[in-house]
Amino acid sequence: MELYQIIKRPLITEKSTFLRESNRQYMFEVDLRANKKQVHHAIESLFNVNVENVRTLIVRGKIKRVGKSFGKKSNYKKAFVTLEEGSKIDFFEGV
């Protein structure tokens, strides 16, 4: 799997901003088939940083109603990436 297929997009929320400032953790939406080692390698290769830890979880899609019909949003995988001391991703610093 290509590096750009593994990392889909960064997640920028209030929680991710707090984790970035306090714990050196960054949040990304990743491919459902990607494992922790692939995410670890992709982050190190794309951003030239040293990764300390990767935690992943699958966020289940919510059921939504439109008129009389019901639908379901897609599931996605979220990765919490902890960087080593002194490393940072400049991509997030301008936000």
Protein backbone atom coordinates (compact mmCIF):
# COMPACT_ATOMS: atom_id res chain seq x y z
CA MET A 1 0.00 0.00 0.00
CA GLU A 2 1.31 3.48 -0.89
CA LEU A 3 2.10 6.01 1.85
CA TYR A 4 -0.53 8.45 0.60
CA GLN A 5 -3.16 5.69 0.62
CA ILE A 6 -2.46 4.86 4.27
CA ILE A 7 -2.77 8.43 5.61
CA LYS A 8 -6.01 9.95 4.35
CA ARG A 9 -6.19 13.26 6.22
CA PRO A 10 -5.32 14.92 9.52
CA LEU A 11 -8.10 15.30 12.06
CA ILE A 12 -8.20 18.83 13.43
CA THR A 13 -10.60 19.09 16.37
CA GLU A 14 -10.54 20.61 19.84
CA LYS A 15 -9.46 17.27 21.29
CA SER A 16 -6.64 16.85 18.77
CA THR A 17 -5.40 20.40 19.44
CA PHE A 18 -5.32 19.72 23.19
CA LEU A 19 -3.48 16.41 22.70
CA ARG A 20 -0.97 18.02 20.34
CA GLU A 21 -0.13 20.78 22.83
CA SER A 22 0.01 18.63 25.96
CA ASN A 23 1.10 15.12 24.90
CA ARG A 24 2.83 15.49 21.49
CA GLN A 25 0.01 13.41 19.94
CA TYR A 26 -1.38 13.94 16.45
CA MET A 27 -4.60 12.47 15.05
CA PHE A 28 -5.04 11.15 11.51
CA GLU A 29 -7.74 9.36 9.57
CA VAL A 30 -6.11 6.27 8.07
CA ASP A 31 -7.15 3.44 5.76
CA LEU A 32 -9.27 0.74 7.41
CA ARG A 33 -6.86 -1.97 6.24
CA ALA A 34 -3.71 -0.25 7.56
CA ASN A 35 -2.04 -1.64 10.68
CA LYS A 36 0.04 0.19 13.30
CA LYS A 37 3.39 -0.61 11.69
CA GLN A 38 2.26 0.76 8.33
CA VAL A 39 0.97 3.96 9.96
CA HIS A 40 4.24 4.29 11.92
CA HIS A 41 6.34 3.96 8.76
CA ALA A 42 4.10 6.31 6.72
CA ILE A 43 4.23 9.13 9.30
CA GLU A 44 8.00 8.85 9.67
CA SER A 45 8.51 8.86 5.89
CA LEU A 46 6.07 11.66 5.01
CA PHE A 47 6.88 14.14 7.80
CA ASN A 48 10.52 13.23 8.67
CA VAL A 49 9.84 12.80 12.39
CA ASN A 50 10.50 10.05 14.95
CA VAL A 51 7.35 8.22 16.08
CA GLU A 52 7.24 6.84 19.61
CA ASN A 53 3.81 5.16 19.69
CA VAL A 54 0.74 4.56 17.51
CA ARG A 55 -2.75 3.77 18.79
CA THR A 56 -5.64 3.04 16.42
CA LEU A 57 -9.38 2.67 16.76
CA ILE A 58 -12.30 2.17 14.41
CA VAL A 59 -15.00 4.82 14.61
CA ARG A 60 -18.38 3.31 13.78
CA GLY A 61 -20.58 5.29 11.39
CA LYS A 62 -23.75 6.84 12.74
CA ILE A 63 -27.23 6.03 11.46
CA LYS A 64 -28.79 9.11 9.87
CA ARG A 65 -32.36 9.77 8.82
CA VAL A 66 -33.31 11.68 5.68
CA GLY A 67 -37.08 11.98 5.40
CA LYS A 68 -38.61 8.53 5.74
CA SER A 69 -35.47 6.60 4.86
CA PHE A 70 -32.49 5.71 7.02
CA GLY A 71 -28.87 5.54 5.99
CA LYS A 72 -25.54 4.83 7.63
CA LYS A 73 -22.32 6.82 7.44
CA SER A 74 -19.15 4.88 6.66
CA ASN A 75 -16.84 3.52 9.34
CA TYR A 76 -13.32 4.94 9.47
CA LYS A 77 -10.10 4.28 11.34
CA LYS A 78 -8.48 6.93 13.52
CA ALA A 79 -4.81 6.86 14.53
CA PHE A 80 -3.27 8.65 17.53
CA VAL A 81 0.44 9.15 16.79
CA THR A 82 2.78 10.09 19.66
CA LEU A 83 6.06 11.68 18.60
CA GLU A 84 9.37 11.46 20.42
CA GLU A 85 10.58 14.40 22.53
CA GLY A 86 11.71 17.30 20.34
CA SER A 87 9.87 16.16 17.20
CA LYS A 88 6.93 18.06 15.76
CA ILE A 89 4.96 18.17 12.53
CA ASP A 90 5.06 21.65 11.04
CA PHE A 91 1.89 20.94 9.06
CA PHE A 92 -0.21 21.47 12.22
CA GLU A 93 1.62 24.47 13.66
CA GLY A 94 -0.08 27.04 11.40
CA VAL A 95 -3.60 25.94 12.41
